[in-house]
Amino acid sequence: MTKHKWIVPVTVLAALALGGGCVYRANIAQGNLIEEEDLAQLEAGMTKNQVRFLLGTPMIDDPFSRERWDYVYYLKLGRKDAQFKRWVSVFFEDGVVSEVRRDQTLDPGL
């Protein structure tokens, strides 16, 4: 009779231990997806409105640095590290693009 009391708890614990590693992790996409064609159209001399129309609203709009917009994007599939990463910074002088930094390095642990 005492054997039967332990069968159910042991079975439940075994099921939880085996099933714990099978938790689904959703794909995560964060930031602004910037197509290569759009990035190729970005050039010095464009206004902030033109850049916003072309690339969208920047993910990072620093209130202490109004002359820099950062577009960051990464795609993480399940438990794996980010599969696709992109970081583009656009610098302005007097309201027009003065410099564009493409393909900057993001944290490898994303």
C-alpha atoms as a PDB file:
ATOM      1  CA  MET A   1       0.000   0.000   0.000  1.00  0.00           C
ATOM      2  CA  THR A   2       2.871   2.455   0.698  1.00  0.00           C
ATOM      3  CA  LYS A   3       4.327   1.886  -2.778  1.00  0.00           C
ATOM      4  CA  HIS A   4       1.185   3.237  -4.377  1.00  0.00           C
ATOM      5  CA  LYS A   5       1.319   6.475  -2.365  1.00  0.00           C
ATOM      6  CA  TRP A   6       4.656   7.377  -3.949  1.00  0.00           C
ATOM      7  CA  ILE A   7       3.835   6.508  -7.547  1.00  0.00           C
ATOM      8  CA  VAL A   8       1.777   9.652  -8.249  1.00  0.00           C
ATOM      9  CA  PRO A   9       4.217  12.214  -6.735  1.00  0.00           C
ATOM     10  CA  VAL A  10       7.224  10.566  -8.372  1.00  0.00           C
ATOM     11  CA  THR A  11       5.441  10.475 -11.739  1.00  0.00           C
ATOM     12  CA  VAL A  12       4.474  14.148 -11.435  1.00  0.00           C
ATOM     13  CA  LEU A  13       8.023  15.188 -10.487  1.00  0.00           C
ATOM     14  CA  ALA A  14       9.491  13.181 -13.366  1.00  0.00           C
ATOM     15  CA  ALA A  15       7.055  14.786 -15.828  1.00  0.00           C
ATOM     16  CA  LEU A  16       7.929  18.277 -14.570  1.00  0.00           C
ATOM     17  CA  ALA A  17      11.666  17.593 -14.770  1.00  0.00           C
ATOM     18  CA  LEU A  18      11.451  16.262 -18.320  1.00  0.00           C
ATOM     19  CA  GLY A  19       8.983  18.890 -19.534  1.00  0.00           C
ATOM     20  CA  GLY A  20      10.866  21.831 -18.014  1.00  0.00           C
ATOM     21  CA  GLY A  21      13.406  21.872 -20.841  1.00  0.00           C
ATOM     22  CA  CYS A  22      10.714  22.024 -23.499  1.00  0.00           C
ATOM     23  CA  VAL A  23       9.421  25.515 -22.737  1.00  0.00           C
ATOM     24  CA  TYR A  24       8.659  27.453 -25.919  1.00  0.00           C
ATOM     25  CA  ARG A  25      10.562  30.700 -26.436  1.00  0.00           C
ATOM     26  CA  ALA A  26       8.963  33.112 -28.861  1.00  0.00           C
ATOM     27  CA  ASN A  27      10.987  34.878 -31.545  1.00  0.00           C
ATOM     28  CA  ILE A  28      11.835  38.442 -30.536  1.00  0.00           C
ATOM     29  CA  ALA A  29      12.284  41.283 -33.001  1.00  0.00           C
ATOM     30  CA  GLN A  30      13.248  44.622 -31.466  1.00  0.00           C
ATOM     31  CA  GLY A  31      13.835  47.993 -33.030  1.00  0.00           C
ATOM     32  CA  ASN A  32      13.662  49.412 -36.532  1.00  0.00           C
ATOM     33  CA  LEU A  33      14.088  46.971 -39.403  1.00  0.00           C
ATOM     34  CA  ILE A  34      16.052  48.965 -41.978  1.00  0.00           C
ATOM     35  CA  GLU A  35      16.146  47.558 -45.480  1.00  0.00           C
ATOM     36  CA  GLU A  36      19.439  47.827 -47.365  1.00  0.00           C
ATOM     37  CA  GLU A  37      17.697  49.731 -50.200  1.00  0.00           C
ATOM     38  CA  ASP A  38      16.497  52.401 -47.749  1.00  0.00           C
ATOM     39  CA  LEU A  39      19.915  52.687 -46.148  1.00  0.00           C
ATOM     40  CA  ALA A  40      21.504  53.122 -49.588  1.00  0.00           C
ATOM     41  CA  GLN A  41      19.253  56.152 -50.201  1.00  0.00           C
ATOM     42  CA  LEU A  42      20.403  57.881 -47.007  1.00  0.00           C
ATOM     43  CA  GLU A  43      22.899  60.640 -47.795  1.00  0.00           C
ATOM     44  CA  ALA A  44      24.456  63.757 -46.332  1.00  0.00           C
ATOM     45  CA  GLY A  45      22.359  66.882 -46.662  1.00  0.00           C
ATOM     46  CA  MET A  46      18.972  65.220 -46.044  1.00  0.00           C
ATOM     47  CA  THR A  47      16.677  66.886 -43.495  1.00  0.00           C
ATOM     48  CA  LYS A  48      15.418  65.194 -40.331  1.00  0.00           C
ATOM     49  CA  ASN A  49      11.955  64.882 -41.905  1.00  0.00           C
ATOM     50  CA  GLN A  50      13.401  63.131 -44.958  1.00  0.00           C
ATOM     51  CA  VAL A  51      15.337  60.699 -42.750  1.00  0.00           C
ATOM     52  CA  ARG A  52      12.242  60.005 -40.641  1.00  0.00           C
ATOM     53  CA  PHE A  53      10.213  59.354 -43.813  1.00  0.00           C
ATOM     54  CA  LEU A  54      12.873  57.008 -45.190  1.00  0.00           C
ATOM     55  CA  LEU A  55      13.889  55.072 -42.051  1.00  0.00           C
ATOM     56  CA  GLY A  56      11.066  55.740 -39.600  1.00  0.00           C
ATOM     57  CA  THR A  57      11.205  57.115 -36.088  1.00  0.00           C
ATOM     58  CA  PRO A  58      14.535  56.320 -34.433  1.00  0.00           C
ATOM     59  CA  MET A  59      14.508  53.736 -31.659  1.00  0.00           C
ATOM     60  CA  ILE A  60      16.797  55.895 -29.535  1.00  0.00           C
ATOM     61  CA  ASP A  61      16.090  59.628 -29.491  1.00  0.00           C
ATOM     62  CA  ASP A  62      18.399  60.983 -26.804  1.00  0.00           C
ATOM     63  CA  PRO A  63      17.023  64.227 -25.304  1.00  0.00           C
ATOM     64  CA  PHE A  64      20.599  65.264 -24.414  1.00  0.00           C
ATOM     65  CA  SER A  65      21.865  64.826 -27.980  1.00  0.00           C
ATOM     66  CA  ARG A  66      19.260  66.118 -30.435  1.00  0.00           C
ATOM     67  CA  GLU A  67      21.778  65.896 -33.271  1.00  0.00           C
ATOM     68  CA  ARG A  68      22.071  62.089 -33.209  1.00  0.00           C
ATOM     69  CA  TRP A  69      19.518  59.397 -34.034  1.00  0.00           C
ATOM     70  CA  ASP A  70      20.214  55.708 -33.475  1.00  0.00           C
ATOM     71  CA  TYR A  71      18.399  52.943 -35.319  1.00  0.00           C
ATOM     72  CA  VAL A  72      18.927  49.576 -33.634  1.00  0.00           C
ATOM     73  CA  TYR A  73      17.424  46.260 -34.710  1.00  0.00           C
ATOM     74  CA  TYR A  74      17.917  42.661 -33.711  1.00  0.00           C
ATOM     75  CA  LEU A  75      16.077  39.404 -34.299  1.00  0.00           C
ATOM     76  CA  LYS A  76      16.386  36.629 -31.735  1.00  0.00           C
ATOM     77  CA  LEU A  77      15.015  33.199 -32.644  1.00  0.00           C
ATOM     78  CA  GLY A  78      13.971  31.133 -29.652  1.00  0.00           C
ATOM     79  CA  ARG A  79      16.810  30.381 -27.237  1.00  0.00           C
ATOM     80  CA  LYS A  80      19.581  31.203 -29.717  1.00  0.00           C
ATOM     81  CA  ASP A  81      21.598  34.432 -29.756  1.00  0.00           C
ATOM     82  CA  ALA A  82      20.425  37.199 -32.058  1.00  0.00           C
ATOM     83  CA  GLN A  83      20.517  36.022 -35.666  1.00  0.00           C
ATOM     84  CA  PHE A  84      20.395  39.448 -37.292  1.00  0.00           C
ATOM     85  CA  LYS A  85      21.684  42.702 -35.807  1.00  0.00           C
ATOM     86  CA  ARG A  86      22.003  46.198 -37.171  1.00  0.00           C
ATOM     87  CA  TRP A  87      22.911  49.513 -35.584  1.00  0.00           C
ATOM     88  CA  VAL A  88      22.964  52.695 -37.649  1.00  0.00           C
ATOM     89  CA  SER A  89      23.653  56.160 -36.227  1.00  0.00           C
ATOM     90  CA  VAL A  90      22.698  59.320 -38.097  1.00  0.00           C
ATOM     91  CA  PHE A  91      24.351  62.594 -37.080  1.00  0.00           C
ATOM     92  CA  PHE A  92      22.946  66.017 -37.912  1.00  0.00           C
ATOM     93  CA  GLU A  93      24.390  69.524 -38.116  1.00  0.00           C
ATOM     94  CA  ASP A  94      21.964  72.410 -38.407  1.00  0.00           C
ATOM     95  CA  GLY A  95      19.087  69.987 -39.060  1.00  0.00           C
ATOM     96  CA  VAL A  96      20.670  68.112 -41.980  1.00  0.00           C
ATOM     97  CA  VAL A  97      22.576  64.815 -42.125  1.00  0.00           C
ATOM     98  CA  SER A  98      26.312  65.285 -41.665  1.00  0.00           C
ATOM     99  CA  GLU A  99      27.429  61.688 -41.049  1.00  0.00           C
ATOM    100  CA  VAL A 100      26.031  58.152 -41.153  1.00  0.00           C
ATOM    101  CA  ARG A 101      27.674  55.290 -39.240  1.00  0.00           C
ATOM    102  CA  ARG A 102      26.544  51.892 -40.489  1.00  0.00           C
ATOM    103  CA  ASP A 103      26.922  48.366 -39.139  1.00  0.00           C
ATOM    104  CA  GLN A 104      28.232  49.237 -35.709  1.00  0.00           C
ATOM    105  CA  THR A 105      28.866  46.355 -33.320  1.00  0.00           C
ATOM    106  CA  LEU A 106      26.116  45.337 -30.919  1.00  0.00           C
ATOM    107  CA  ASP A 107      26.621  43.277 -27.773  1.00  0.00           C
ATOM    108  CA  PRO A 108      27.266  39.667 -28.907  1.00  0.00           C
ATOM    109  CA  GLY A 109      25.137  38.359 -26.036  1.00  0.00           C
ATOM    110  CA  LEU A 110      21.893  39.736 -27.477  1.00  0.00           C
END
